Amino acid sequence: MKICGYKQRPAYSSNPRMGIMLSDTKILDPNLCLALHYQKEGRYNSFERANHKLSPSLHRHLQVSDSPLEDLLEVMESFKKLEKKGDLTLQDGSPIVIDLNESVRMTKPLDKISTYRDFYAHEKHVAKGFEKRKEPIPEAWYEIPAYYKGATEGFIGPEEEVLWPSYTDILDYELELAVVIGKEGKNISSDKSIDHIFGYTILNDISARDIQKKEMAIRLGPAKGKDFCSVIGPVITTSDEFKGKEPNLLMTATINGEEWSRGHSGDSHFSFSQMIEHVSKDEWVIPGDLFGSGTVGTGCGLEIDKWIKEGDKIELTVESIGTLKNTIGIKRK
């Protein structure tokens, strides 16, 4: 399944809702599908029951369900039965399948992030950064999957404009794969970690390189060099699509139609399972956490000495997930 977020326009009158992509233009609302199922059973409180069983918020659903993926798969089976009967409309006339159009847009697929951790796990990317600083890769990098914790409020989704803050002159994209945690745990072994992954999405960890350089020179951060904006989407491909294994996916970045970056998620020195094991040592990993892999080799302007500009169209593509499209905004005054 491909899980998305969607919102009805105008934006101020609608909260984002979880959806399941049926095609490039059609979204199933699983919460409304469940409400219709209860209506067909003759329940008087169909919406209340649906909200209790499967929240319209993915984050909320991950937080309270012991089997969030299985719940969604059950709804898909219910949908197939309703579709076969040709009855996909609630009693009040509302459809449970929504068409993407001028009044409906996709949002980030995870409406709220519990904790954001971004790792530094691709050796090719790491080596290039230390080469530019005329330093060797520290031995410790090979020993632990290091990461930083970032802000969770600045995340945006597909087709949204990337913020260019007033305090930076050098903005950069970062092509990454990320996982969404769907099951809580502490002291999780790497061989069990895969069971805690709900799904995979594309991450663009936008960076203010001039500010980041200053922060890292102090041996602290990054903070203002990162926290203003990150992008995820367009969907979360659920873990069952990869048969319980971490996939090795082709990843590319194009700027204004020109390919700048190409790599594979499997080139990471550490697996997501190892990352989860490391983080969970005497610390809770909880549903709704987002783990980024770190930039894939060649996956940013810093590595290739090419820099994005105001108004650029950026497309990050990862096989089996899709293409995350955004426009770079105008620098704030």
C-alpha atoms as a PDB file:
ATOM      1  CA  MET A   1       0.000   0.000   0.000  1.00  0.00           C
ATOM      2  CA  LYS A   2       0.943   3.587  -0.532  1.00  0.00           C
ATOM      3  CA  ILE A   3      -0.228   5.795   2.336  1.00  0.00           C
ATOM      4  CA  CYS A   4      -0.687   9.508   1.687  1.00  0.00           C
ATOM      5  CA  GLY A   5      -2.049  12.594   3.371  1.00  0.00           C
ATOM      6  CA  TYR A   6      -4.647  14.808   1.736  1.00  0.00           C
ATOM      7  CA  LYS A   7      -6.441  18.043   2.460  1.00  0.00           C
ATOM      8  CA  GLN A   8      -9.516  19.755   1.124  1.00  0.00           C
ATOM      9  CA  ARG A   9      -9.224  23.416   0.097  1.00  0.00           C
ATOM     10  CA  PRO A  10      -9.515  26.007   1.514  1.00  0.00           C
ATOM     11  CA  ALA A  11      -6.697  24.930   3.825  1.00  0.00           C
ATOM     12  CA  TYR A  12      -8.028  26.680   6.915  1.00  0.00           C
ATOM     13  CA  SER A  13     -11.278  24.722   6.879  1.00  0.00           C
ATOM     14  CA  SER A  14      -9.913  21.179   6.736  1.00  0.00           C
ATOM     15  CA  ASN A  15      -7.504  19.075   8.764  1.00  0.00           C
ATOM     16  CA  PRO A  16      -5.198  16.742   6.826  1.00  0.00           C
ATOM     17  CA  ARG A  17      -6.473  13.163   6.605  1.00  0.00           C
ATOM     18  CA  MET A  18      -4.849   9.812   5.966  1.00  0.00           C
ATOM     19  CA  GLY A  19      -5.464   8.246   2.578  1.00  0.00           C
ATOM     20  CA  ILE A  20      -4.535   5.150   0.590  1.00  0.00           C
ATOM     21  CA  MET A  21      -3.524   5.741  -3.024  1.00  0.00           C
ATOM     22  CA  LEU A  22      -5.702   3.697  -5.392  1.00  0.00           C
ATOM     23  CA  SER A  23      -4.191   5.338  -8.476  1.00  0.00           C
ATOM     24  CA  ASP A  24      -2.321   8.519  -9.361  1.00  0.00           C
ATOM     25  CA  THR A  25      -5.558  10.500  -9.058  1.00  0.00           C
ATOM     26  CA  LYS A  26      -7.779   8.574  -6.631  1.00  0.00           C
ATOM     27  CA  ILE A  27      -7.463   8.277  -2.844  1.00  0.00           C
ATOM     28  CA  LEU A  28      -9.374   5.958  -0.537  1.00  0.00           C
ATOM     29  CA  ASP A  29     -10.135   7.496   2.854  1.00  0.00           C
ATOM     30  CA  PRO A  30      -9.783   4.442   5.169  1.00  0.00           C
ATOM     31  CA  ASN A  31     -11.567   6.131   8.091  1.00  0.00           C
ATOM     32  CA  LEU A  32     -14.599   6.926   5.930  1.00  0.00           C
ATOM     33  CA  CYS A  33     -14.471   3.449   4.411  1.00  0.00           C
ATOM     34  CA  LEU A  34     -14.720   1.968   7.878  1.00  0.00           C
ATOM     35  CA  ALA A  35     -17.591   4.330   8.735  1.00  0.00           C
ATOM     36  CA  LEU A  36     -19.447   3.144   5.628  1.00  0.00           C
ATOM     37  CA  HIS A  37     -18.827  -0.459   6.673  1.00  0.00           C
ATOM     38  CA  TYR A  38     -20.429   0.253  10.061  1.00  0.00           C
ATOM     39  CA  GLN A  39     -23.342   2.034   8.374  1.00  0.00           C
ATOM     40  CA  LYS A  40     -23.957  -1.076   6.299  1.00  0.00           C
ATOM     41  CA  GLU A  41     -24.033  -3.071   9.533  1.00  0.00           C
ATOM     42  CA  GLY A  42     -26.752  -0.762  10.809  1.00  0.00           C
ATOM     43  CA  ARG A  43     -24.693   0.855  13.595  1.00  0.00           C
ATOM     44  CA  TYR A  44     -26.060   4.167  14.861  1.00  0.00           C
ATOM     45  CA  ASN A  45     -22.610   5.561  15.797  1.00  0.00           C
ATOM     46  CA  SER A  46     -20.676   4.588  12.680  1.00  0.00           C
ATOM     47  CA  PHE A  47     -18.328   7.597  12.670  1.00  0.00           C
ATOM     48  CA  GLU A  48     -17.521   7.299  16.359  1.00  0.00           C
ATOM     49  CA  ARG A  49     -16.735   3.614  15.900  1.00  0.00           C
ATOM     50  CA  ALA A  50     -14.586   4.354  12.845  1.00  0.00           C
ATOM     51  CA  ASN A  51     -12.630   7.066  14.679  1.00  0.00           C
ATOM     52  CA  HIS A  52     -12.020   4.682  17.582  1.00  0.00           C
ATOM     53  CA  LYS A  53     -10.842   1.833  15.350  1.00  0.00           C
ATOM     54  CA  LEU A  54      -8.892   3.799  12.757  1.00  0.00           C
ATOM     55  CA  SER A  55      -8.190   7.506  13.196  1.00  0.00           C
ATOM     56  CA  PRO A  56      -8.157   9.827  10.150  1.00  0.00           C
ATOM     57  CA  SER A  57      -4.700  10.871  11.459  1.00  0.00           C
ATOM     58  CA  LEU A  58      -1.921   8.410  10.582  1.00  0.00           C
ATOM     59  CA  HIS A  59       0.154   9.554  13.547  1.00  0.00           C
ATOM     60  CA  ARG A  60      -2.737   8.962  15.925  1.00  0.00           C
ATOM     61  CA  HIS A  61      -3.428   5.555  14.387  1.00  0.00           C
ATOM     62  CA  LEU A  62       0.209   4.496  14.773  1.00  0.00           C
ATOM     63  CA  GLN A  63       0.192   5.672  18.392  1.00  0.00           C
ATOM     64  CA  VAL A  64      -2.854   3.713  19.559  1.00  0.00           C
ATOM     65  CA  SER A  65      -3.045   0.597  17.385  1.00  0.00           C
ATOM     66  CA  ASP A  66      -1.170  -2.602  18.190  1.00  0.00           C
ATOM     67  CA  SER A  67      -1.365  -3.603  14.512  1.00  0.00           C
ATOM     68  CA  PRO A  68      -1.673  -0.442  12.372  1.00  0.00           C
ATOM     69  CA  LEU A  69      -0.718  -2.081   9.086  1.00  0.00           C
ATOM     70  CA  GLU A  70      -3.074  -5.020   9.607  1.00  0.00           C
ATOM     71  CA  ASP A  71      -5.910  -2.580  10.366  1.00  0.00           C
ATOM     72  CA  LEU A  72      -5.341  -0.839   7.047  1.00  0.00           C
ATOM     73  CA  LEU A  73      -5.144  -4.124   5.159  1.00  0.00           C
ATOM     74  CA  GLU A  74      -8.502  -5.116   6.681  1.00  0.00           C
ATOM     75  CA  VAL A  75     -10.019  -1.847   5.490  1.00  0.00           C
ATOM     76  CA  MET A  76      -8.708  -2.533   1.991  1.00  0.00           C
ATOM     77  CA  GLU A  77     -10.494  -5.902   2.007  1.00  0.00           C
ATOM     78  CA  SER A  78     -13.688  -4.172   3.142  1.00  0.00           C
ATOM     79  CA  PHE A  79     -13.267  -1.611   0.361  1.00  0.00           C
ATOM     80  CA  LYS A  80     -12.969  -4.322  -2.283  1.00  0.00           C
ATOM     81  CA  LYS A  81     -16.287  -5.798  -1.143  1.00  0.00           C
ATOM     82  CA  LEU A  82     -18.000  -2.397  -1.174  1.00  0.00           C
ATOM     83  CA  GLU A  83     -16.515  -1.605  -4.567  1.00  0.00           C
ATOM     84  CA  LYS A  84     -17.790  -4.898  -5.970  1.00  0.00           C
ATOM     85  CA  LYS A  85     -21.295  -3.912  -4.867  1.00  0.00           C
ATOM     86  CA  GLY A  86     -20.837  -0.456  -6.397  1.00  0.00           C
ATOM     87  CA  ASP A  87     -21.704   1.353  -3.183  1.00  0.00           C
ATOM     88  CA  LEU A  88     -18.971   3.798  -2.141  1.00  0.00           C
ATOM     89  CA  THR A  89     -21.051   6.645  -0.737  1.00  0.00           C
ATOM     90  CA  LEU A  90     -21.920   7.436   2.881  1.00  0.00           C
ATOM     91  CA  GLN A  91     -25.515   8.117   3.937  1.00  0.00           C
ATOM     92  CA  ASP A  92     -24.913  11.869   3.841  1.00  0.00           C
ATOM     93  CA  GLY A  93     -23.719  11.595   0.228  1.00  0.00           C
ATOM     94  CA  SER A  94     -20.010  11.897   0.962  1.00  0.00           C
ATOM     95  CA  PRO A  95     -17.736   9.676  -1.167  1.00  0.00           C
ATOM     96  CA  ILE A  96     -15.119   7.443   0.441  1.00  0.00           C
ATOM     97  CA  VAL A  97     -12.947   7.664  -2.701  1.00  0.00           C
ATOM     98  CA  ILE A  98     -11.633  11.167  -3.320  1.00  0.00           C
ATOM     99  CA  ASP A  99     -10.407  12.529  -6.643  1.00  0.00           C
ATOM    100  CA  LEU A 100      -7.296  14.682  -6.628  1.00  0.00           C
ATOM    101  CA  ASN A 101      -8.328  17.980  -8.223  1.00  0.00           C
ATOM    102  CA  GLU A 102      -8.150  21.732  -7.672  1.00  0.00           C
ATOM    103  CA  SER A 103      -9.970  21.456  -4.343  1.00  0.00           C
ATOM    104  CA  VAL A 104      -8.056  18.433  -2.994  1.00  0.00           C
ATOM    105  CA  ARG A 105      -4.281  18.359  -2.603  1.00  0.00           C
ATOM    106  CA  MET A 106      -1.799  15.886  -1.168  1.00  0.00           C
ATOM    107  CA  THR A 107       0.025  16.774   2.040  1.00  0.00           C
ATOM    108  CA  LYS A 108       2.920  15.142   3.860  1.00  0.00           C
ATOM    109  CA  PRO A 109       2.002  11.470   4.423  1.00  0.00           C
ATOM    110  CA  LEU A 110       2.803  11.538   8.175  1.00  0.00           C
ATOM    111  CA  ASP A 111       0.745  14.380   9.642  1.00  0.00           C
ATOM    112  CA  LYS A 112       2.787  14.566  12.862  1.00  0.00           C
ATOM    113  CA  ILE A 113       6.282  13.306  13.685  1.00  0.00           C
ATOM    114  CA  SER A 114       7.053  12.021  17.173  1.00  0.00           C
ATOM    115  CA  THR A 115      10.851  12.353  17.005  1.00  0.00           C
ATOM    116  CA  TYR A 116      13.017  13.097  13.975  1.00  0.00           C
ATOM    117  CA  ARG A 117      16.445  11.471  13.770  1.00  0.00           C
ATOM    118  CA  ASP A 118      18.621  11.841  10.701  1.00  0.00           C
ATOM    119  CA  PHE A 119      21.606   9.553  10.335  1.00  0.00           C
ATOM    120  CA  TYR A 120      24.899   9.926   8.475  1.00  0.00           C
ATOM    121  CA  ALA A 121      25.190   6.440   7.075  1.00  0.00           C
ATOM    122  CA  HIS A 122      26.307   6.647   3.415  1.00  0.00           C
ATOM    123  CA  GLU A 123      30.098   6.437   3.256  1.00  0.00           C
ATOM    124  CA  LYS A 124      30.407   8.047  -0.171  1.00  0.00           C
ATOM    125  CA  HIS A 125      28.613  11.172   1.077  1.00  0.00           C
ATOM    126  CA  VAL A 126      30.548  11.207   4.368  1.00  0.00           C
ATOM    127  CA  ALA A 127      33.907  10.774   2.618  1.00  0.00           C
ATOM    128  CA  LYS A 128      33.257  13.705   0.300  1.00  0.00           C
ATOM    129  CA  GLY A 129      32.416  15.994   3.200  1.00  0.00           C
ATOM    130  CA  PHE A 130      35.567  15.129   5.127  1.00  0.00           C
ATOM    131  CA  GLU A 131      37.634  15.401   1.940  1.00  0.00           C
ATOM    132  CA  LYS A 132      36.450  18.989   1.533  1.00  0.00           C
ATOM    133  CA  ARG A 133      37.553  19.657   5.123  1.00  0.00           C
ATOM    134  CA  LYS A 134      40.880  17.926   4.408  1.00  0.00           C
ATOM    135  CA  GLU A 135      40.211  15.450   7.204  1.00  0.00           C
ATOM    136  CA  PRO A 136      39.950  11.632   7.318  1.00  0.00           C
ATOM    137  CA  ILE A 137      36.672   9.947   8.257  1.00  0.00           C
ATOM    138  CA  PRO A 138      36.814   9.436  12.052  1.00  0.00           C
ATOM    139  CA  GLU A 139      37.152   5.811  13.139  1.00  0.00           C
ATOM    140  CA  ALA A 140      34.104   6.281  15.373  1.00  0.00           C
ATOM    141  CA  TRP A 141      31.934   6.743  12.270  1.00  0.00           C
ATOM    142  CA  TYR A 142      32.453   3.073  11.430  1.00  0.00           C
ATOM    143  CA  GLU A 143      31.584   2.002  14.978  1.00  0.00           C
ATOM    144  CA  ILE A 144      28.167   3.577  15.602  1.00  0.00           C
ATOM    145  CA  PRO A 145      25.331   4.872  13.371  1.00  0.00           C
ATOM    146  CA  ALA A 146      25.563   8.533  14.382  1.00  0.00           C
ATOM    147  CA  TYR A 147      22.608  10.899  13.957  1.00  0.00           C
ATOM    148  CA  TYR A 148      21.268  14.297  14.890  1.00  0.00           C
ATOM    149  CA  LYS A 149      17.812  15.139  16.242  1.00  0.00           C
ATOM    150  CA  GLY A 150      15.925  17.779  14.302  1.00  0.00           C
ATOM    151  CA  ALA A 151      12.800  19.859  14.690  1.00  0.00           C
ATOM    152  CA  THR A 152       9.501  18.192  13.750  1.00  0.00           C
ATOM    153  CA  GLU A 153       7.356  21.256  13.052  1.00  0.00           C
ATOM    154  CA  GLY A 154       9.010  22.477   9.846  1.00  0.00           C
ATOM    155  CA  PHE A 155       8.107  19.486   7.686  1.00  0.00           C
ATOM    156  CA  ILE A 156       6.219  20.019   4.437  1.00  0.00           C
ATOM    157  CA  GLY A 157       4.923  17.668   1.755  1.00  0.00           C
ATOM    158  CA  PRO A 158       4.749  17.245  -2.032  1.00  0.00           C
ATOM    159  CA  GLU A 159       4.241  20.263  -4.305  1.00  0.00           C
ATOM    160  CA  GLU A 160       4.818  22.703  -1.422  1.00  0.00           C
ATOM    161  CA  GLU A 161       7.309  25.559  -1.588  1.00  0.00           C
ATOM    162  CA  VAL A 162      10.626  25.094   0.225  1.00  0.00           C
ATOM    163  CA  LEU A 163      11.366  27.925   2.637  1.00  0.00           C
ATOM    164  CA  TRP A 164      14.517  29.938   1.899  1.00  0.00           C
ATOM    165  CA  PRO A 165      15.314  31.626   5.232  1.00  0.00           C
ATOM    166  CA  SER A 166      16.511  35.211   5.424  1.00  0.00           C
ATOM    167  CA  TYR A 167      19.702  34.225   7.247  1.00  0.00           C
ATOM    168  CA  THR A 168      21.262  31.937   4.622  1.00  0.00           C
ATOM    169  CA  ASP A 169      22.755  32.485   1.178  1.00  0.00           C
ATOM    170  CA  ILE A 170      23.510  28.832   0.364  1.00  0.00           C
ATOM    171  CA  LEU A 171      20.609  26.380   0.283  1.00  0.00           C
ATOM    172  CA  ASP A 172      21.035  22.690  -0.519  1.00  0.00           C
ATOM    173  CA  TYR A 173      18.865  19.627  -1.047  1.00  0.00           C
ATOM    174  CA  GLU A 174      19.617  16.172   0.381  1.00  0.00           C
ATOM    175  CA  LEU A 175      18.350  12.968  -1.255  1.00  0.00           C
ATOM    176  CA  GLU A 176      17.467  10.435   1.445  1.00  0.00           C
ATOM    177  CA  LEU A 177      15.345   7.384   2.203  1.00  0.00           C
ATOM    178  CA  ALA A 178      13.461   7.411   5.510  1.00  0.00           C
ATOM    179  CA  VAL A 179      11.471   4.951   7.590  1.00  0.00           C
ATOM    180  CA  VAL A 180       8.396   5.572   9.714  1.00  0.00           C
ATOM    181  CA  ILE A 181       8.270   3.616  12.960  1.00  0.00           C
ATOM    182  CA  GLY A 182       4.997   1.762  13.535  1.00  0.00           C
ATOM    183  CA  LYS A 183       5.688  -0.194  16.717  1.00  0.00           C
ATOM    184  CA  GLU A 184       7.125   0.915  20.051  1.00  0.00           C
ATOM    185  CA  GLY A 185      10.118  -0.746  21.631  1.00  0.00           C
ATOM    186  CA  LYS A 186      13.178  -0.476  23.834  1.00  0.00           C
ATOM    187  CA  ASN A 187      16.424  -2.481  23.582  1.00  0.00           C
ATOM    188  CA  ILE A 188      15.357  -3.877  20.212  1.00  0.00           C
ATOM    189  CA  SER A 189      17.774  -6.344  18.610  1.00  0.00           C
ATOM    190  CA  SER A 190      18.693  -5.744  14.972  1.00  0.00           C
ATOM    191  CA  ASP A 191      17.107  -9.039  13.890  1.00  0.00           C
ATOM    192  CA  LYS A 192      13.758  -7.850  15.313  1.00  0.00           C
ATOM    193  CA  SER A 193      14.029  -4.217  14.206  1.00  0.00           C
ATOM    194  CA  ILE A 194      12.381  -4.776  10.832  1.00  0.00           C
ATOM    195  CA  ASP A 195       9.129  -5.569  12.660  1.00  0.00           C
ATOM    196  CA  HIS A 196       9.064  -1.989  13.980  1.00  0.00           C
ATOM    197  CA  ILE A 197       9.128  -0.367  10.520  1.00  0.00           C
ATOM    198  CA  PHE A 198       5.718   0.741   9.248  1.00  0.00           C
ATOM    199  CA  GLY A 199       6.946   1.935   5.890  1.00  0.00           C
ATOM    200  CA  TYR A 200       9.393   3.883   3.731  1.00  0.00           C
ATOM    201  CA  THR A 201       9.242   7.401   2.312  1.00  0.00           C
ATOM    202  CA  ILE A 202      11.436   9.967   0.548  1.00  0.00           C
ATOM    203  CA  LEU A 203      13.160  12.602   2.671  1.00  0.00           C
ATOM    204  CA  ASN A 204      14.649  15.888   1.501  1.00  0.00           C
ATOM    205  CA  ASP A 205      16.660  17.202   4.445  1.00  0.00           C
ATOM    206  CA  ILE A 206      17.036  20.816   3.286  1.00  0.00           C
ATOM    207  CA  SER A 207      20.242  22.478   4.531  1.00  0.00           C
ATOM    208  CA  ALA A 208      21.499  26.033   4.945  1.00  0.00           C
ATOM    209  CA  ARG A 209      25.108  25.162   4.215  1.00  0.00           C
ATOM    210  CA  ASP A 210      26.768  28.424   5.287  1.00  0.00           C
ATOM    211  CA  ILE A 211      25.016  28.343   8.674  1.00  0.00           C
ATOM    212  CA  GLN A 212      25.589  24.616   9.096  1.00  0.00           C
ATOM    213  CA  LYS A 213      29.321  25.122   8.452  1.00  0.00           C
ATOM    214  CA  LYS A 214      29.527  27.666  11.285  1.00  0.00           C
ATOM    215  CA  GLU A 215      27.545  25.481  13.672  1.00  0.00           C
ATOM    216  CA  MET A 216      29.633  22.395  12.997  1.00  0.00           C
ATOM    217  CA  ALA A 217      32.879  24.393  13.406  1.00  0.00           C
ATOM    218  CA  ILE A 218      31.779  24.915  17.019  1.00  0.00           C
ATOM    219  CA  ARG A 219      31.269  21.115  17.276  1.00  0.00           C
ATOM    220  CA  LEU A 220      27.571  21.565  17.942  1.00  0.00           C
ATOM    221  CA  GLY A 221      24.449  21.274  15.861  1.00  0.00           C
ATOM    222  CA  PRO A 222      23.234  21.291  13.189  1.00  0.00           C
ATOM    223  CA  ALA A 223      20.290  23.419  14.290  1.00  0.00           C
ATOM    224  CA  LYS A 224      19.483  26.645  12.407  1.00  0.00           C
ATOM    225  CA  GLY A 225      21.231  25.063   9.444  1.00  0.00           C
ATOM    226  CA  LYS A 226      18.494  22.410   9.276  1.00  0.00           C
ATOM    227  CA  ASP A 227      15.422  23.003  11.398  1.00  0.00           C
ATOM    228  CA  PHE A 228      13.571  25.523   9.216  1.00  0.00           C
ATOM    229  CA  CYS A 229      12.332  23.025   6.588  1.00  0.00           C
ATOM    230  CA  SER A 230      12.408  19.335   5.655  1.00  0.00           C
ATOM    231  CA  VAL A 231      10.258  17.507   3.112  1.00  0.00           C
ATOM    232  CA  ILE A 232       8.725  14.007   3.098  1.00  0.00           C
ATOM    233  CA  GLY A 233       6.483  12.210   0.635  1.00  0.00           C
ATOM    234  CA  PRO A 234       4.758  11.882  -1.640  1.00  0.00           C
ATOM    235  CA  VAL A 235       3.656   8.622   0.032  1.00  0.00           C
ATOM    236  CA  ILE A 236       4.749   6.017   2.565  1.00  0.00           C
ATOM    237  CA  THR A 237       5.139   2.611   0.937  1.00  0.00           C
ATOM    238  CA  THR A 238       4.254   0.091   3.642  1.00  0.00           C
ATOM    239  CA  SER A 239       6.809  -2.478   4.744  1.00  0.00           C
ATOM    240  CA  ASP A 240       4.783  -5.470   3.515  1.00  0.00           C
ATOM    241  CA  GLU A 241       5.501  -4.352  -0.052  1.00  0.00           C
ATOM    242  CA  PHE A 242       9.126  -5.415   0.535  1.00  0.00           C
ATOM    243  CA  LYS A 243       8.286  -8.798   2.100  1.00  0.00           C
ATOM    244  CA  GLY A 244       9.821  -8.039   5.489  1.00  0.00           C
ATOM    245  CA  LYS A 245      13.243  -7.037   4.150  1.00  0.00           C
ATOM    246  CA  GLU A 246      14.993  -3.708   3.784  1.00  0.00           C
ATOM    247  CA  PRO A 247      14.914  -2.777   0.100  1.00  0.00           C
ATOM    248  CA  ASN A 248      17.791  -1.582  -2.054  1.00  0.00           C
ATOM    249  CA  LEU A 249      16.176   1.203  -4.069  1.00  0.00           C
ATOM    250  CA  LEU A 250      17.443   3.362  -6.922  1.00  0.00           C
ATOM    251  CA  MET A 251      17.383   7.039  -5.936  1.00  0.00           C
ATOM    252  CA  THR A 252      17.758  10.083  -8.201  1.00  0.00           C
ATOM    253  CA  ALA A 253      17.480  13.862  -7.956  1.00  0.00           C
ATOM    254  CA  THR A 254      16.736  16.181 -10.853  1.00  0.00           C
ATOM    255  CA  ILE A 255      16.835  19.970 -10.820  1.00  0.00           C
ATOM    256  CA  ASN A 256      14.791  21.707 -13.531  1.00  0.00           C
ATOM    257  CA  GLY A 257      14.707  18.414 -15.442  1.00  0.00           C
ATOM    258  CA  GLU A 258      18.476  17.759 -15.259  1.00  0.00           C
ATOM    259  CA  GLU A 259      19.705  14.788 -13.260  1.00  0.00           C
ATOM    260  CA  TRP A 260      22.191  15.814 -10.573  1.00  0.00           C
ATOM    261  CA  SER A 261      22.216  12.807  -8.238  1.00  0.00           C
ATOM    262  CA  ARG A 262      22.005   9.011  -8.526  1.00  0.00           C
ATOM    263  CA  GLY A 263      22.584   6.321  -5.916  1.00  0.00           C
ATOM    264  CA  HIS A 264      21.117   3.321  -4.106  1.00  0.00           C
ATOM    265  CA  SER A 265      19.661   3.100  -0.624  1.00  0.00           C
ATOM    266  CA  GLY A 266      21.456  -0.212  -0.068  1.00  0.00           C
ATOM    267  CA  ASP A 267      24.852   1.514  -0.219  1.00  0.00           C
ATOM    268  CA  SER A 268      24.381   2.629   3.385  1.00  0.00           C
ATOM    269  CA  HIS A 269      27.115   1.490   5.780  1.00  0.00           C
ATOM    270  CA  PHE A 270      24.456   0.865   8.445  1.00  0.00           C
ATOM    271  CA  SER A 271      21.030  -0.670   7.872  1.00  0.00           C
ATOM    272  CA  PHE A 272      17.855   0.801   9.338  1.00  0.00           C
ATOM    273  CA  SER A 273      17.719  -2.280  11.577  1.00  0.00           C
ATOM    274  CA  GLN A 274      21.109  -1.374  13.015  1.00  0.00           C
ATOM    275  CA  MET A 275      19.986   2.220  13.458  1.00  0.00           C
ATOM    276  CA  ILE A 276      16.877   1.132  15.358  1.00  0.00           C
ATOM    277  CA  GLU A 277      18.914  -1.207  17.547  1.00  0.00           C
ATOM    278  CA  HIS A 278      21.362   1.596  18.373  1.00  0.00           C
ATOM    279  CA  VAL A 279      18.720   4.220  19.151  1.00  0.00           C
ATOM    280  CA  SER A 280      16.612   1.847  21.255  1.00  0.00           C
ATOM    281  CA  LYS A 281      19.383   1.009  23.732  1.00  0.00           C
ATOM    282  CA  ASP A 282      17.754   2.025  27.036  1.00  0.00           C
ATOM    283  CA  GLU A 283      15.606   4.512  25.088  1.00  0.00           C
ATOM    284  CA  TRP A 284      12.096   4.265  23.682  1.00  0.00           C
ATOM    285  CA  VAL A 285      11.530   4.145  19.939  1.00  0.00           C
ATOM    286  CA  ILE A 286       7.884   5.085  19.461  1.00  0.00           C
ATOM    287  CA  PRO A 287       5.293   5.016  16.673  1.00  0.00           C
ATOM    288  CA  GLY A 288       5.472   8.080  14.461  1.00  0.00           C
ATOM    289  CA  ASP A 289       9.260   8.421  14.799  1.00  0.00           C
ATOM    290  CA  LEU A 290      11.006   9.278  11.530  1.00  0.00           C
ATOM    291  CA  PHE A 291      14.496   7.910  10.793  1.00  0.00           C
ATOM    292  CA  GLY A 292      16.404   9.367   7.832  1.00  0.00           C
ATOM    293  CA  SER A 293      19.269   7.372   6.327  1.00  0.00           C
ATOM    294  CA  GLY A 294      21.455  10.367   5.604  1.00  0.00           C
ATOM    295  CA  THR A 295      22.289  11.618   2.133  1.00  0.00           C
ATOM    296  CA  VAL A 296      22.978   8.972  -0.500  1.00  0.00           C
ATOM    297  CA  GLY A 297      26.269   9.326  -2.405  1.00  0.00           C
ATOM    298  CA  THR A 298      26.161  12.302  -4.864  1.00  0.00           C
ATOM    299  CA  GLY A 299      22.820  13.232  -3.266  1.00  0.00           C
ATOM    300  CA  CYS A 300      23.409  16.929  -2.558  1.00  0.00           C
ATOM    301  CA  GLY A 301      24.907  20.046  -4.083  1.00  0.00           C
ATOM    302  CA  LEU A 302      27.753  20.127  -1.568  1.00  0.00           C
ATOM    303  CA  GLU A 303      29.148  16.896  -2.999  1.00  0.00           C
ATOM    304  CA  ILE A 304      28.905  17.839  -6.657  1.00  0.00           C
ATOM    305  CA  ASP A 305      29.587  21.600  -6.360  1.00  0.00           C
ATOM    306  CA  LYS A 306      26.260  22.546  -7.914  1.00  0.00           C
ATOM    307  CA  TRP A 307      23.814  24.746  -6.069  1.00  0.00           C
ATOM    308  CA  ILE A 308      20.062  25.183  -6.223  1.00  0.00           C
ATOM    309  CA  LYS A 309      18.627  28.646  -6.831  1.00  0.00           C
ATOM    310  CA  GLU A 310      15.411  30.468  -6.034  1.00  0.00           C
ATOM    311  CA  GLY A 311      12.531  29.136  -8.127  1.00  0.00           C
ATOM    312  CA  ASP A 312      14.228  25.839  -9.042  1.00  0.00           C
ATOM    313  CA  LYS A 313      12.042  22.771  -9.541  1.00  0.00           C
ATOM    314  CA  ILE A 314      13.414  19.809  -7.613  1.00  0.00           C
ATOM    315  CA  GLU A 315      12.306  16.192  -8.037  1.00  0.00           C
ATOM    316  CA  LEU A 316      13.538  13.356  -5.831  1.00  0.00           C
ATOM    317  CA  THR A 317      12.619   9.914  -7.148  1.00  0.00           C
ATOM    318  CA  VAL A 318      12.936   6.603  -5.308  1.00  0.00           C
ATOM    319  CA  GLU A 319      11.760   3.406  -6.964  1.00  0.00           C
ATOM    320  CA  SER A 320       8.704   1.739  -5.394  1.00  0.00           C
ATOM    321  CA  ILE A 321       7.814   5.012  -3.659  1.00  0.00           C
ATOM    322  CA  GLY A 322       7.456   7.733  -6.295  1.00  0.00           C
ATOM    323  CA  THR A 323       8.637  11.271  -6.975  1.00  0.00           C
ATOM    324  CA  LEU A 324       8.718  14.061  -4.407  1.00  0.00           C
ATOM    325  CA  LYS A 325       8.335  17.389  -6.213  1.00  0.00           C
ATOM    326  CA  ASN A 326       8.902  20.844  -4.736  1.00  0.00           C
ATOM    327  CA  THR A 327       9.788  24.375  -5.771  1.00  0.00           C
ATOM    328  CA  ILE A 328      12.539  26.362  -4.050  1.00  0.00           C
ATOM    329  CA  GLY A 329      11.138  29.574  -2.599  1.00  0.00           C
ATOM    330  CA  ILE A 330      12.391  33.141  -2.833  1.00  0.00           C
ATOM    331  CA  LYS A 331      14.808  34.198  -0.108  1.00  0.00           C
ATOM    332  CA  ARG A 332      13.062  35.894   2.810  1.00  0.00           C
ATOM    333  CA  LYS A 333      13.977  39.551   3.397  1.00  0.00           C
END
